[in-house]
């Protein structure tokens, strides 16, 4: 796999935290100016890997979608809603997803990329159920509600539409409609990964308890 372009920015104002985020095609890593070059190289490797793992979870490939759909079908729908294809499309600006039951094909809007996995899974379940019940009748919603986070995901998508000042996705023959009256705040964009290197005691000062290591102190930070 080709290594992404990485830009390291040192800051004298930054004391303990190391952050990484994507800026266009580059990954920017912010480090304290006090780090040695070796420490900098170690942190750059860790933070780039962490950011890329996060992006893979939030932007699954078509093959990933197919595998997830198969797993959701087995877990919540008894294995009876088997799609022939599942893929991303970028021409659905008023729908989160769509289904063609005759072809057993599912399509998800690329606008979902970057949203939490449980929201993407909800849309997959919604479209899978169209392979069982083409319309939005009571039987359809009974199947959809087998997914434990269905109501939460409906509220999330409704909140996203409201925050973006969009109309909620429309419904149509064999199409997806994800609407809910549940209030929800807008999702934040994929944020920075931030972690804190362990502190080094100044010369001559007695060491106390060890500072938290990087594995336990990493957290998601809201993008500034």
N, C-alpha and C. Protein backbone atom coordinates (compact mmCIF):
# COMPACT_ATOMS: atom_id res chain seq x y z
N UNK A 1 0.85 -1.19 0.00
CA UNK A 1 0.00 0.00 0.00
C UNK A 1 0.88 1.24 0.00
N UNK A 2 0.55 2.21 -0.82
CA UNK A 2 1.33 3.42 -0.92
C UNK A 2 1.18 4.26 0.36
N UNK A 3 2.32 4.70 0.88
CA UNK A 3 2.29 5.49 2.11
C UNK A 3 1.80 6.89 1.80
N UNK A 4 0.90 7.43 2.61
CA UNK A 4 0.38 8.77 2.36
C UNK A 4 1.44 9.83 2.63
N UNK A 5 1.26 10.99 2.04
CA UNK A 5 2.15 12.12 2.32
C UNK A 5 1.87 12.60 3.74
N UNK A 6 2.92 12.77 4.52
CA UNK A 6 2.78 13.17 5.91
C UNK A 6 3.56 14.47 6.14
N UNK A 7 2.92 15.42 6.77
CA UNK A 7 3.57 16.68 7.15
C UNK A 7 3.59 16.76 8.67
N UNK A 8 4.77 16.96 9.24
CA UNK A 8 4.91 17.08 10.69
C UNK A 8 5.07 18.56 11.03
N UNK A 9 4.25 19.03 11.96
CA UNK A 9 4.31 20.42 12.40
C UNK A 9 4.65 20.45 13.88
N UNK A 10 5.78 21.07 14.21
CA UNK A 10 6.21 21.19 15.60
C UNK A 10 5.68 22.50 16.19
N UNK A 11 5.27 22.43 17.45
CA UNK A 11 4.72 23.61 18.10
C UNK A 11 5.32 23.77 19.48
N UNK A 12 5.85 24.97 19.77
CA UNK A 12 6.39 25.24 21.10
C UNK A 12 5.27 25.44 22.12
N UNK A 13 4.05 25.71 21.63
CA UNK A 13 2.90 25.89 22.54
C UNK A 13 2.29 24.56 22.94
N UNK A 14 2.60 23.53 22.20
CA UNK A 14 2.05 22.20 22.48
C UNK A 14 2.97 21.50 23.46
N UNK A 15 2.43 21.09 24.61
CA UNK A 15 3.25 20.51 25.66
C UNK A 15 3.22 18.98 25.69
N UNK A 16 2.03 18.42 25.65
CA UNK A 16 1.93 16.97 25.87
C UNK A 16 1.24 16.21 24.75
N UNK A 17 0.37 16.83 23.99
CA UNK A 17 -0.46 16.08 23.06
C UNK A 17 0.15 15.99 21.67
N UNK A 18 -0.15 14.87 21.02
CA UNK A 18 0.20 14.64 19.62
C UNK A 18 -1.11 14.42 18.88
N UNK A 19 -1.33 15.14 17.78
CA UNK A 19 -2.58 15.03 17.03
C UNK A 19 -2.31 14.71 15.57
N UNK A 20 -3.27 14.05 14.94
CA UNK A 20 -3.15 13.75 13.52
C UNK A 20 -4.51 13.93 12.86
N UNK A 21 -4.51 14.53 11.70
CA UNK A 21 -5.75 14.69 10.94
C UNK A 21 -5.39 14.79 9.46
N UNK A 22 -6.40 14.61 8.62
CA UNK A 22 -6.17 14.66 7.19
C UNK A 22 -6.50 16.06 6.67
N UNK A 23 -5.61 16.56 5.83
CA UNK A 23 -5.79 17.86 5.20
C UNK A 23 -5.61 17.65 3.70
N UNK A 24 -6.74 17.50 2.99
CA UNK A 24 -6.66 17.15 1.57
C UNK A 24 -6.12 15.74 1.43
N UNK A 25 -5.06 15.58 0.64
CA UNK A 25 -4.45 14.27 0.43
C UNK A 25 -3.34 13.98 1.44
N UNK A 26 -3.02 14.97 2.29
CA UNK A 26 -1.95 14.80 3.26
C UNK A 26 -2.49 14.47 4.64
N UNK A 27 -1.64 13.83 5.43
CA UNK A 27 -1.92 13.65 6.85
C UNK A 27 -0.99 14.59 7.61
N UNK A 28 -1.58 15.43 8.45
CA UNK A 28 -0.82 16.39 9.25
C UNK A 28 -0.70 15.85 10.67
N UNK A 29 0.52 15.80 11.18
CA UNK A 29 0.76 15.35 12.55
C UNK A 29 1.34 16.53 13.33
N UNK A 30 0.68 16.92 14.42
CA UNK A 30 1.12 18.02 15.26
C UNK A 30 1.81 17.46 16.50
N UNK A 31 3.06 17.87 16.75
CA UNK A 31 3.82 17.33 17.87
C UNK A 31 4.43 18.46 18.68
N UNK A 32 4.70 18.20 19.97
CA UNK A 32 5.41 19.22 20.76
C UNK A 32 6.82 19.42 20.23
N UNK A 33 7.31 20.64 20.30
CA UNK A 33 8.67 20.94 19.82
C UNK A 33 9.72 20.27 20.68
N UNK A 34 9.35 19.84 21.88
CA UNK A 34 10.33 19.24 22.80
C UNK A 34 10.64 17.78 22.49
N UNK A 35 9.88 17.15 21.60
CA UNK A 35 10.15 15.75 21.27
C UNK A 35 11.46 15.62 20.51
N UNK A 36 12.17 14.53 20.78
CA UNK A 36 13.37 14.24 19.99
C UNK A 36 12.95 13.74 18.61
N UNK A 37 13.88 13.69 17.69
CA UNK A 37 13.55 13.22 16.33
C UNK A 37 13.10 11.76 16.35
N UNK A 38 13.70 10.98 17.22
CA UNK A 38 13.30 9.58 17.30
C UNK A 38 11.89 9.46 17.86
N UNK A 39 11.60 10.22 18.93
CA UNK A 39 10.25 10.21 19.49
C UNK A 39 9.24 10.71 18.45
N UNK A 40 9.62 11.74 17.70
CA UNK A 40 8.74 12.25 16.66
C UNK A 40 8.41 11.17 15.64
N UNK A 41 9.44 10.45 15.18
CA UNK A 41 9.23 9.40 14.18
C UNK A 41 8.31 8.30 14.71
N UNK A 42 8.51 7.92 15.99
CA UNK A 42 7.66 6.89 16.60
C UNK A 42 6.20 7.35 16.65
N UNK A 43 5.99 8.61 17.08
CA UNK A 43 4.63 9.11 17.20
C UNK A 43 3.95 9.30 15.85
N UNK A 44 4.73 9.71 14.86
CA UNK A 44 4.15 9.87 13.51
C UNK A 44 3.65 8.52 13.02
N UNK A 45 4.44 7.48 13.19
CA UNK A 45 4.03 6.14 12.74
C UNK A 45 2.76 5.68 13.46
N UNK A 46 2.72 5.90 14.78
CA UNK A 46 1.55 5.48 15.56
C UNK A 46 0.30 6.25 15.15
N UNK A 47 0.41 7.56 15.01
CA UNK A 47 -0.76 8.39 14.76
C UNK A 47 -1.29 8.20 13.34
N UNK A 48 -0.40 8.02 12.37
CA UNK A 48 -0.84 7.77 10.99
C UNK A 48 -1.60 6.44 10.94
N UNK A 49 -1.07 5.41 11.58
CA UNK A 49 -1.74 4.11 11.58
C UNK A 49 -3.10 4.19 12.26
N UNK A 50 -3.16 4.95 13.36
CA UNK A 50 -4.42 5.09 14.09
C UNK A 50 -5.47 5.82 13.26
N UNK A 51 -5.05 6.89 12.58
CA UNK A 51 -5.98 7.64 11.74
C UNK A 51 -6.48 6.81 10.57
N UNK A 52 -5.59 6.04 9.95
CA UNK A 52 -5.99 5.21 8.81
C UNK A 52 -6.95 4.10 9.23
N UNK A 53 -6.74 3.52 10.43
CA UNK A 53 -7.69 2.51 10.92
C UNK A 53 -9.06 3.12 11.12
N UNK A 54 -9.09 4.32 11.69
CA UNK A 54 -10.36 5.00 11.90
C UNK A 54 -11.06 5.28 10.58
N UNK A 55 -10.31 5.72 9.57
CA UNK A 55 -10.90 6.02 8.27
C UNK A 55 -11.43 4.77 7.59
N UNK A 56 -10.73 3.65 7.75
CA UNK A 56 -11.22 2.40 7.14
C UNK A 56 -12.53 1.97 7.75
N UNK A 57 -12.66 2.16 9.08
CA UNK A 57 -13.93 1.80 9.73
C UNK A 57 -15.07 2.69 9.26
N UNK A 58 -14.78 3.98 9.01
CA UNK A 58 -15.82 4.92 8.64
C UNK A 58 -16.10 4.94 7.13
N UNK A 59 -15.18 4.43 6.32
CA UNK A 59 -15.36 4.45 4.87
C UNK A 59 -15.13 3.06 4.30
N UNK A 60 -16.02 2.12 4.61
CA UNK A 60 -15.83 0.76 4.12
C UNK A 60 -15.95 0.70 2.59
N UNK A 61 -15.26 -0.25 1.99
CA UNK A 61 -15.32 -0.46 0.55
C UNK A 61 -16.61 -1.17 0.19
N UNK A 62 -16.87 -1.33 -1.12
CA UNK A 62 -18.05 -2.08 -1.56
C UNK A 62 -17.99 -3.51 -1.03
N UNK A 63 -16.79 -4.10 -1.06
CA UNK A 63 -16.65 -5.47 -0.55
C UNK A 63 -16.95 -5.53 0.94
N UNK A 64 -16.51 -4.51 1.67
CA UNK A 64 -16.82 -4.44 3.11
C UNK A 64 -18.32 -4.34 3.34
N UNK A 65 -18.99 -3.51 2.52
CA UNK A 65 -20.44 -3.36 2.65
C UNK A 65 -21.14 -4.69 2.42
N UNK A 66 -20.68 -5.45 1.42
CA UNK A 66 -21.30 -6.74 1.13
C UNK A 66 -21.14 -7.69 2.32
N UNK A 67 -19.95 -7.71 2.91
CA UNK A 67 -19.73 -8.57 4.07
C UNK A 67 -20.57 -8.13 5.26
N UNK A 68 -20.67 -6.82 5.47
CA UNK A 68 -21.48 -6.32 6.59
C UNK A 68 -22.95 -6.64 6.37
N UNK A 69 -23.42 -6.49 5.13
CA UNK A 69 -24.82 -6.79 4.83
C UNK A 69 -25.11 -8.27 5.10
N UNK A 70 -24.18 -9.14 4.72
CA UNK A 70 -24.37 -10.58 4.95
C UNK A 70 -24.44 -10.88 6.44
N UNK A 71 -23.57 -10.24 7.22
CA UNK A 71 -23.58 -10.46 8.67
C UNK A 71 -24.86 -9.94 9.32
N UNK A 72 -25.32 -8.77 8.90
CA UNK A 72 -26.56 -8.20 9.45
C UNK A 72 -27.77 -9.04 9.08
N UNK A 73 -27.76 -9.55 7.86
CA UNK A 73 -28.85 -10.41 7.42
C UNK A 73 -28.93 -11.67 8.29
N UNK A 74 -27.79 -12.28 8.55
CA UNK A 74 -27.78 -13.49 9.38
C UNK A 74 -28.18 -13.18 10.82
N UNK A 75 -27.74 -12.02 11.33
CA UNK A 75 -27.95 -11.72 12.75
C UNK A 75 -29.37 -11.29 13.05
N UNK A 76 -29.96 -10.47 12.18
CA UNK A 76 -31.24 -9.86 12.50
C UNK A 76 -32.41 -10.30 11.61
N UNK A 77 -32.11 -10.85 10.45
CA UNK A 77 -33.19 -11.17 9.50
C UNK A 77 -33.28 -12.66 9.19
N UNK A 78 -32.63 -13.47 9.98
CA UNK A 78 -32.74 -14.92 9.80
C UNK A 78 -32.10 -15.44 8.53
N UNK A 79 -31.27 -14.63 7.88
CA UNK A 79 -30.58 -15.09 6.68
C UNK A 79 -31.43 -15.16 5.43
N UNK A 80 -32.63 -14.54 5.44
CA UNK A 80 -33.52 -14.68 4.29
C UNK A 80 -33.45 -13.49 3.33
N UNK A 81 -32.69 -12.47 3.66
CA UNK A 81 -32.58 -11.29 2.78
C UNK A 81 -31.17 -11.25 2.19
N UNK A 82 -30.94 -12.06 1.19
CA UNK A 82 -29.59 -12.19 0.62
C UNK A 82 -29.45 -11.32 -0.62
N UNK A 83 -28.63 -10.26 -0.55
CA UNK A 83 -28.45 -9.40 -1.71
C UNK A 83 -27.45 -10.00 -2.70
N UNK A 84 -27.60 -9.61 -3.96
CA UNK A 84 -26.64 -10.01 -4.98
C UNK A 84 -25.50 -9.00 -5.07
N UNK A 85 -25.80 -7.75 -4.76
CA UNK A 85 -24.75 -6.73 -4.79
C UNK A 85 -25.08 -5.62 -3.79
N UNK A 86 -24.03 -5.03 -3.22
CA UNK A 86 -24.15 -3.88 -2.32
C UNK A 86 -23.01 -2.93 -2.67
N UNK A 87 -23.34 -1.67 -2.94
CA UNK A 87 -22.27 -0.76 -3.35
C UNK A 87 -22.61 0.69 -2.99
N UNK A 88 -21.57 1.52 -2.97
CA UNK A 88 -21.72 2.96 -2.78
C UNK A 88 -22.09 3.62 -4.10
N UNK A 89 -22.91 4.67 -4.03
CA UNK A 89 -23.21 5.49 -5.21
C UNK A 89 -23.16 6.95 -4.79
N UNK A 90 -22.76 7.82 -5.72
CA UNK A 90 -22.65 9.24 -5.38
C UNK A 90 -23.71 10.09 -6.05
N UNK A 91 -24.78 9.45 -6.55
CA UNK A 91 -25.85 10.20 -7.22
C UNK A 91 -27.14 10.22 -6.42
N UNK A 92 -27.06 9.88 -5.13
CA UNK A 92 -28.25 9.89 -4.28
C UNK A 92 -28.12 11.02 -3.27
N UNK A 93 -28.64 12.17 -3.63
CA UNK A 93 -28.55 13.33 -2.76
C UNK A 93 -29.79 13.54 -1.91
N UNK A 94 -30.85 12.81 -2.18
CA UNK A 94 -32.07 12.95 -1.39
C UNK A 94 -32.49 11.62 -0.77
N UNK A 95 -31.64 10.61 -0.86
CA UNK A 95 -31.91 9.32 -0.24
C UNK A 95 -30.63 8.82 0.42
N UNK A 96 -30.78 8.09 1.51
CA UNK A 96 -29.63 7.47 2.14
C UNK A 96 -29.28 6.16 1.46
N UNK A 97 -30.28 5.53 0.88
CA UNK A 97 -30.02 4.27 0.21
C UNK A 97 -31.19 3.89 -0.66
N UNK A 98 -30.99 2.88 -1.49
CA UNK A 98 -32.07 2.40 -2.35
C UNK A 98 -31.89 0.91 -2.60
N UNK A 99 -32.97 0.29 -3.02
CA UNK A 99 -32.96 -1.16 -3.25
C UNK A 99 -33.78 -1.48 -4.49
N UNK A 100 -33.29 -2.39 -5.31
CA UNK A 100 -34.06 -2.90 -6.44
C UNK A 100 -34.32 -4.38 -6.16
N UNK A 101 -35.49 -4.72 -5.60
CA UNK A 101 -35.76 -6.10 -5.20
C UNK A 101 -35.62 -7.10 -6.34
N UNK A 102 -36.03 -6.72 -7.55
CA UNK A 102 -35.96 -7.66 -8.68
C UNK A 102 -34.53 -8.08 -8.97
N UNK A 103 -33.59 -7.17 -8.76
CA UNK A 103 -32.18 -7.47 -9.00
C UNK A 103 -31.45 -7.84 -7.71
N UNK A 104 -32.13 -7.70 -6.58
CA UNK A 104 -31.54 -7.94 -5.27
C UNK A 104 -30.26 -7.13 -5.08
N UNK A 105 -30.34 -5.87 -5.49
CA UNK A 105 -29.18 -4.97 -5.40
C UNK A 105 -29.48 -3.83 -4.43
N UNK A 106 -28.48 -3.48 -3.64
CA UNK A 106 -28.57 -2.40 -2.66
C UNK A 106 -27.55 -1.33 -2.99
N UNK A 107 -27.95 -0.08 -2.80
CA UNK A 107 -27.03 1.03 -3.04
C UNK A 107 -27.11 1.99 -1.86
N UNK A 108 -25.96 2.44 -1.38
CA UNK A 108 -25.90 3.39 -0.28
C UNK A 108 -25.26 4.68 -0.75
N UNK A 109 -25.82 5.81 -0.30
CA UNK A 109 -25.29 7.11 -0.66
C UNK A 109 -23.91 7.32 -0.03
N UNK A 110 -22.99 7.88 -0.80
CA UNK A 110 -21.66 8.18 -0.27
C UNK A 110 -21.72 9.23 0.84
N UNK A 111 -22.87 9.92 0.99
CA UNK A 111 -23.00 10.88 2.09
C UNK A 111 -22.93 10.19 3.45
N UNK A 112 -23.14 8.87 3.47
CA UNK A 112 -23.05 8.13 4.72
C UNK A 112 -21.60 7.88 5.14
N UNK A 113 -20.68 8.00 4.21
CA UNK A 113 -19.28 7.73 4.54
C UNK A 113 -18.79 8.74 5.57
N UNK A 114 -18.18 8.24 6.60
CA UNK A 114 -17.73 9.08 7.69
C UNK A 114 -18.69 9.09 8.87
N UNK A 115 -19.90 8.57 8.68
CA UNK A 115 -20.85 8.48 9.79
C UNK A 115 -20.54 7.23 10.61
N UNK A 116 -21.04 7.15 11.84
CA UNK A 116 -20.76 5.98 12.68
C UNK A 116 -21.21 4.68 12.03
N UNK A 117 -20.50 3.61 12.35
CA UNK A 117 -20.79 2.30 11.75
C UNK A 117 -22.22 1.86 12.02
N UNK A 118 -22.75 2.17 13.22
CA UNK A 118 -24.11 1.72 13.55
C UNK A 118 -25.17 2.45 12.72
N UNK A 119 -24.84 3.64 12.21
CA UNK A 119 -25.77 4.34 11.31
C UNK A 119 -25.74 3.68 9.93
N UNK A 120 -24.55 3.39 9.43
CA UNK A 120 -24.43 2.71 8.13
C UNK A 120 -25.12 1.35 8.21
N UNK A 121 -24.93 0.64 9.32
CA UNK A 121 -25.56 -0.66 9.48
C UNK A 121 -27.08 -0.54 9.48
N UNK A 122 -27.61 0.52 10.07
CA UNK A 122 -29.05 0.71 10.05
C UNK A 122 -29.57 0.85 8.62
N UNK A 123 -28.89 1.65 7.81
CA UNK A 123 -29.34 1.83 6.43
C UNK A 123 -29.23 0.52 5.67
N UNK A 124 -28.18 -0.25 5.94
CA UNK A 124 -28.06 -1.58 5.31
C UNK A 124 -29.24 -2.47 5.70
N UNK A 125 -29.57 -2.49 7.00
CA UNK A 125 -30.71 -3.31 7.43
C UNK A 125 -31.99 -2.84 6.76
N UNK A 126 -32.20 -1.52 6.71
CA UNK A 126 -33.39 -0.96 6.08
C UNK A 126 -33.52 -1.45 4.64
N UNK A 127 -32.42 -1.38 3.90
CA UNK A 127 -32.48 -1.80 2.49
C UNK A 127 -32.59 -3.31 2.36
N UNK A 128 -31.96 -4.05 3.25
CA UNK A 128 -32.11 -5.51 3.22
C UNK A 128 -33.56 -5.93 3.41
N UNK A 129 -34.26 -5.22 4.31
CA UNK A 129 -35.66 -5.58 4.56
C UNK A 129 -36.52 -5.37 3.32
N UNK A 130 -36.11 -4.45 2.44
CA UNK A 130 -36.86 -4.28 1.19
C UNK A 130 -36.83 -5.53 0.33
N UNK A 131 -35.86 -6.41 0.55
CA UNK A 131 -35.84 -7.69 -0.17
C UNK A 131 -36.89 -8.65 0.36
N UNK A 132 -37.41 -8.34 1.57
CA UNK A 132 -38.47 -9.16 2.17
C UNK A 132 -39.83 -8.49 1.98
N UNK A 133 -39.89 -7.20 2.29
CA UNK A 133 -41.12 -6.41 2.18
C UNK A 133 -40.82 -5.17 1.34
N UNK A 134 -41.24 -5.09 0.10
CA UNK A 134 -40.90 -3.95 -0.76
C UNK A 134 -41.44 -2.61 -0.25
N UNK A 135 -42.62 -2.62 0.37
CA UNK A 135 -43.23 -1.37 0.83
C UNK A 135 -42.91 -1.07 2.28
N UNK A 136 -43.30 0.15 2.71
CA UNK A 136 -43.07 0.57 4.09
C UNK A 136 -44.33 0.32 4.93
N UNK A 137 -44.73 -0.92 5.04
CA UNK A 137 -45.90 -1.26 5.84
C UNK A 137 -45.48 -1.68 7.25
N UNK A 138 -46.44 -2.09 8.06
CA UNK A 138 -46.13 -2.47 9.45
C UNK A 138 -45.18 -3.66 9.50
N UNK A 139 -45.34 -4.61 8.58
CA UNK A 139 -44.44 -5.77 8.58
C UNK A 139 -43.00 -5.31 8.29
N UNK A 140 -42.86 -4.35 7.36
CA UNK A 140 -41.54 -3.82 7.03
C UNK A 140 -40.87 -3.25 8.28
N UNK A 141 -41.56 -2.37 9.00
CA UNK A 141 -40.96 -1.72 10.16
C UNK A 141 -40.71 -2.70 11.30
N UNK A 142 -41.53 -3.75 11.38
CA UNK A 142 -41.29 -4.77 12.40
C UNK A 142 -39.95 -5.48 12.14
N UNK A 143 -39.67 -5.74 10.88
CA UNK A 143 -38.37 -6.33 10.53
C UNK A 143 -37.24 -5.35 10.84
N UNK A 144 -37.38 -4.10 10.42
CA UNK A 144 -36.33 -3.09 10.64
C UNK A 144 -36.03 -2.93 12.12
N UNK A 145 -37.06 -2.96 12.94
CA UNK A 145 -36.88 -2.73 14.37
C UNK A 145 -36.19 -3.89 15.09
N UNK A 146 -35.90 -4.96 14.36
CA UNK A 146 -35.08 -6.01 14.96
C UNK A 146 -33.64 -5.53 15.16
N UNK A 147 -33.26 -4.51 14.40
CA UNK A 147 -31.92 -3.92 14.59
C UNK A 147 -31.96 -3.06 15.84
N UNK A 148 -31.16 -3.35 16.86
CA UNK A 148 -31.30 -2.70 18.17
C UNK A 148 -31.14 -1.18 18.15
N UNK A 149 -30.38 -0.63 17.22
CA UNK A 149 -30.13 0.81 17.22
C UNK A 149 -30.92 1.52 16.12
N UNK A 150 -32.03 0.93 15.71
CA UNK A 150 -32.82 1.52 14.62
C UNK A 150 -33.32 2.91 14.97
N UNK A 151 -33.95 3.08 16.13
CA UNK A 151 -34.51 4.39 16.48
C UNK A 151 -33.41 5.43 16.67
N UNK A 152 -32.33 5.02 17.27
CA UNK A 152 -31.21 5.94 17.47
C UNK A 152 -30.65 6.40 16.12
N UNK A 153 -30.52 5.48 15.17
CA UNK A 153 -29.99 5.83 13.86
C UNK A 153 -30.95 6.73 13.08
N UNK A 154 -32.25 6.47 13.22
CA UNK A 154 -33.23 7.34 12.55
C UNK A 154 -33.09 8.77 13.07
N UNK A 155 -32.97 8.91 14.39
CA UNK A 155 -32.82 10.24 14.96
C UNK A 155 -31.53 10.91 14.51
N UNK A 156 -30.47 10.14 14.42
CA UNK A 156 -29.18 10.68 13.98
C UNK A 156 -29.29 11.23 12.56
N UNK A 157 -29.88 10.45 11.67
CA UNK A 157 -30.00 10.89 10.27
C UNK A 157 -30.95 12.07 10.14
N UNK A 158 -32.01 12.08 10.94
CA UNK A 158 -32.92 13.21 10.92
C UNK A 158 -32.21 14.48 11.40
N UNK A 159 -31.39 14.33 12.44
CA UNK A 159 -30.63 15.47 12.93
C UNK A 159 -29.61 15.95 11.93
N UNK A 160 -28.98 15.03 11.22
CA UNK A 160 -28.01 15.41 10.19
C UNK A 160 -28.70 16.22 9.10
N UNK A 161 -29.88 15.77 8.66
CA UNK A 161 -30.61 16.49 7.63
C UNK A 161 -30.99 17.89 8.10
N UNK A 162 -31.42 17.99 9.36
CA UNK A 162 -31.82 19.29 9.89
C UNK A 162 -30.61 20.23 9.98
N UNK A 163 -29.47 19.69 10.43
CA UNK A 163 -28.27 20.52 10.57
C UNK A 163 -27.77 20.99 9.22
N UNK A 164 -27.94 20.16 8.20
CA UNK A 164 -27.49 20.52 6.86
C UNK A 164 -28.54 21.33 6.11
N UNK A 165 -29.68 21.63 6.79
CA UNK A 165 -30.78 22.38 6.18
C UNK A 165 -31.28 21.71 4.91
N UNK A 166 -31.41 20.37 5.00
CA UNK A 166 -31.91 19.59 3.89
C UNK A 166 -33.27 19.03 4.26
N UNK A 167 -34.06 18.68 3.25
CA UNK A 167 -35.27 17.93 3.51
C UNK A 167 -34.85 16.50 3.84
N UNK A 168 -35.53 15.82 4.78
CA UNK A 168 -35.22 14.41 5.03
C UNK A 168 -35.39 13.62 3.75
N UNK A 169 -34.62 12.54 3.57
CA UNK A 169 -34.72 11.74 2.35
C UNK A 169 -36.13 11.33 2.03
N UNK A 170 -36.49 11.43 0.74
CA UNK A 170 -37.83 11.08 0.30
C UNK A 170 -37.97 9.57 0.16
N UNK A 171 -39.21 9.13 0.06
CA UNK A 171 -39.47 7.72 -0.18
C UNK A 171 -40.01 7.56 -1.59
N UNK A 172 -39.86 6.39 -2.12
CA UNK A 172 -40.35 6.10 -3.46
C UNK A 172 -40.50 4.60 -3.61
N UNK A 173 -40.97 4.11 -4.74
CA UNK A 173 -41.16 2.67 -4.90
C UNK A 173 -39.85 1.93 -4.68
N UNK A 174 -39.84 1.05 -3.70
CA UNK A 174 -38.66 0.25 -3.44
C UNK A 174 -37.49 1.05 -2.94
N UNK A 175 -37.73 2.24 -2.40
CA UNK A 175 -36.63 3.10 -1.99
C UNK A 175 -36.59 3.21 -0.47
N UNK A 176 -35.55 3.86 0.00
CA UNK A 176 -35.34 3.97 1.44
C UNK A 176 -35.83 5.30 1.97
N UNK A 177 -36.49 5.27 3.09
CA UNK A 177 -36.84 6.50 3.80
C UNK A 177 -36.46 6.32 5.24
N UNK A 178 -35.58 7.14 5.73
CA UNK A 178 -35.15 7.03 7.12
C UNK A 178 -35.57 8.29 7.84
N UNK A 179 -36.75 8.27 8.42
CA UNK A 179 -37.26 9.46 9.09
C UNK A 179 -37.66 9.11 10.51
N UNK A 180 -37.62 10.09 11.37
CA UNK A 180 -37.97 9.89 12.76
C UNK A 180 -38.25 11.24 13.38
N UNK A 181 -39.08 11.24 14.41
CA UNK A 181 -39.33 12.48 15.13
C UNK A 181 -38.36 12.64 16.29
N UNK A 182 -37.48 11.65 16.46
CA UNK A 182 -36.54 11.74 17.57
C UNK A 182 -35.55 12.86 17.32
N UNK A 183 -35.36 13.76 18.32
CA UNK A 183 -34.37 14.82 18.13
C UNK A 183 -32.98 14.25 18.15
N UNK A 184 -32.10 14.84 17.39
CA UNK A 184 -30.70 14.41 17.37
C UNK A 184 -29.83 15.56 16.94
N UNK A 185 -28.68 15.65 17.50
CA UNK A 185 -27.73 16.68 17.09
C UNK A 185 -26.99 16.26 15.86
N UNK A 186 -26.38 17.20 15.15
CA UNK A 186 -25.64 16.87 13.95
C UNK A 186 -24.38 16.13 14.28
N UNK A 187 -23.98 15.16 13.44
CA UNK A 187 -22.75 14.45 13.69
C UNK A 187 -21.56 15.34 13.39
N UNK A 188 -20.53 15.19 14.15
CA UNK A 188 -19.31 15.92 13.85
C UNK A 188 -18.56 15.24 12.72
N UNK A 189 -17.78 15.99 11.96
CA UNK A 189 -16.97 15.37 10.92
C UNK A 189 -15.89 14.52 11.54
N UNK A 190 -15.29 13.59 10.76
CA UNK A 190 -14.22 12.78 11.33
C UNK A 190 -13.17 13.69 11.96
N UNK A 191 -12.85 13.47 13.24
CA UNK A 191 -12.00 14.41 13.96
C UNK A 191 -10.54 14.04 13.94
N UNK A 192 -9.79 14.76 14.73
CA UNK A 192 -8.38 14.47 14.87
C UNK A 192 -8.20 13.31 15.84
N UNK A 193 -7.12 12.58 15.65
CA UNK A 193 -6.71 11.64 16.68
C UNK A 193 -5.70 12.37 17.55
N UNK A 194 -5.91 12.32 18.86
CA UNK A 194 -5.03 13.02 19.80
C UNK A 194 -4.57 12.05 20.87
N UNK A 195 -3.30 12.13 21.21
CA UNK A 195 -2.77 11.30 22.28
C UNK A 195 -1.73 12.11 23.03
N UNK A 196 -1.42 11.65 24.25
CA UNK A 196 -0.46 12.37 25.09
C UNK A 196 0.75 11.50 25.36
N UNK A 197 1.94 11.93 24.92
CA UNK A 197 3.15 11.18 25.27
C UNK A 197 3.36 11.19 26.78
N UNK A 198 4.02 10.16 27.29
CA UNK A 198 4.32 10.11 28.72
C UNK A 198 5.29 11.22 29.08
N UNK A 199 5.08 11.83 30.25
CA UNK A 199 5.96 12.90 30.70
C UNK A 199 7.31 12.35 31.14
N UNK A 200 8.35 13.13 30.88
CA UNK A 200 9.67 12.78 31.40
C UNK A 200 9.96 13.70 32.58
N UNK A 201 10.43 13.12 33.68
CA UNK A 201 10.73 13.93 34.86
C UNK A 201 11.95 14.79 34.59
N UNK A 202 11.94 16.09 34.98
CA UNK A 202 13.11 16.95 34.81
C UNK A 202 14.29 16.40 35.58
N UNK A 203 15.54 16.67 35.12
CA UNK A 203 16.73 16.18 35.83
C UNK A 203 16.71 16.62 37.30
N UNK A 204 17.04 15.68 38.19
CA UNK A 204 17.13 16.01 39.61
C UNK A 204 15.82 15.92 40.34
N UNK A 205 14.70 15.69 39.63
CA UNK A 205 13.41 15.59 40.30
C UNK A 205 13.06 14.13 40.48
N UNK A 206 12.56 13.78 41.68
CA UNK A 206 12.18 12.40 41.96
C UNK A 206 10.96 12.03 41.13
N UNK A 207 11.00 10.85 40.57
CA UNK A 207 9.86 10.39 39.78
C UNK A 207 8.75 9.91 40.71
N UNK A 208 7.53 10.23 40.35
CA UNK A 208 6.37 9.72 41.08
C UNK A 208 5.79 8.54 40.31
N UNK A 209 4.49 8.43 40.34
CA UNK A 209 3.85 7.38 39.58
C UNK A 209 4.02 7.63 38.10
N UNK A 210 4.06 6.56 37.34
CA UNK A 210 4.25 6.70 35.89
C UNK A 210 3.06 7.40 35.28
N UNK A 211 3.34 8.28 34.32
CA UNK A 211 2.25 8.97 33.61
C UNK A 211 1.54 7.97 32.73
N UNK A 212 0.27 8.23 32.41
CA UNK A 212 -0.47 7.30 31.54
C UNK A 212 0.26 7.14 30.22
N UNK A 213 0.33 5.89 29.72
CA UNK A 213 0.97 5.62 28.44
C UNK A 213 0.07 6.00 27.29
N UNK A 214 0.61 6.02 26.08
CA UNK A 214 -0.18 6.43 24.91
C UNK A 214 -1.40 5.57 24.67
N UNK A 215 -1.29 4.24 25.01
CA UNK A 215 -2.41 3.35 24.71
C UNK A 215 -3.63 3.66 25.56
N UNK A 216 -3.41 4.24 26.74
CA UNK A 216 -4.56 4.48 27.61
C UNK A 216 -5.02 5.93 27.58
N UNK A 217 -4.22 6.81 26.97
CA UNK A 217 -4.59 8.22 27.03
C UNK A 217 -5.11 8.76 25.72
N UNK A 218 -5.15 7.91 24.69
CA UNK A 218 -5.64 8.40 23.39
C UNK A 218 -7.11 8.73 23.49
N UNK A 219 -7.52 9.78 22.79
CA UNK A 219 -8.92 10.14 22.79
C UNK A 219 -9.27 10.82 21.47
N UNK A 220 -10.55 10.81 21.13
CA UNK A 220 -11.00 11.57 19.98
C UNK A 220 -11.23 12.99 20.41
N UNK A 221 -10.70 13.94 19.66
CA UNK A 221 -10.90 15.35 19.95
C UNK A 221 -11.77 15.98 18.89
N UNK A 222 -12.60 16.93 19.31
CA UNK A 222 -13.44 17.63 18.34
C UNK A 222 -12.58 18.52 17.47
N UNK A 223 -12.74 18.44 16.14
CA UNK A 223 -11.93 19.27 15.26
C UNK A 223 -12.11 20.74 15.57
N UNK A 224 -10.99 21.46 15.58
CA UNK A 224 -11.07 22.90 15.80
C UNK A 224 -11.20 23.61 14.49
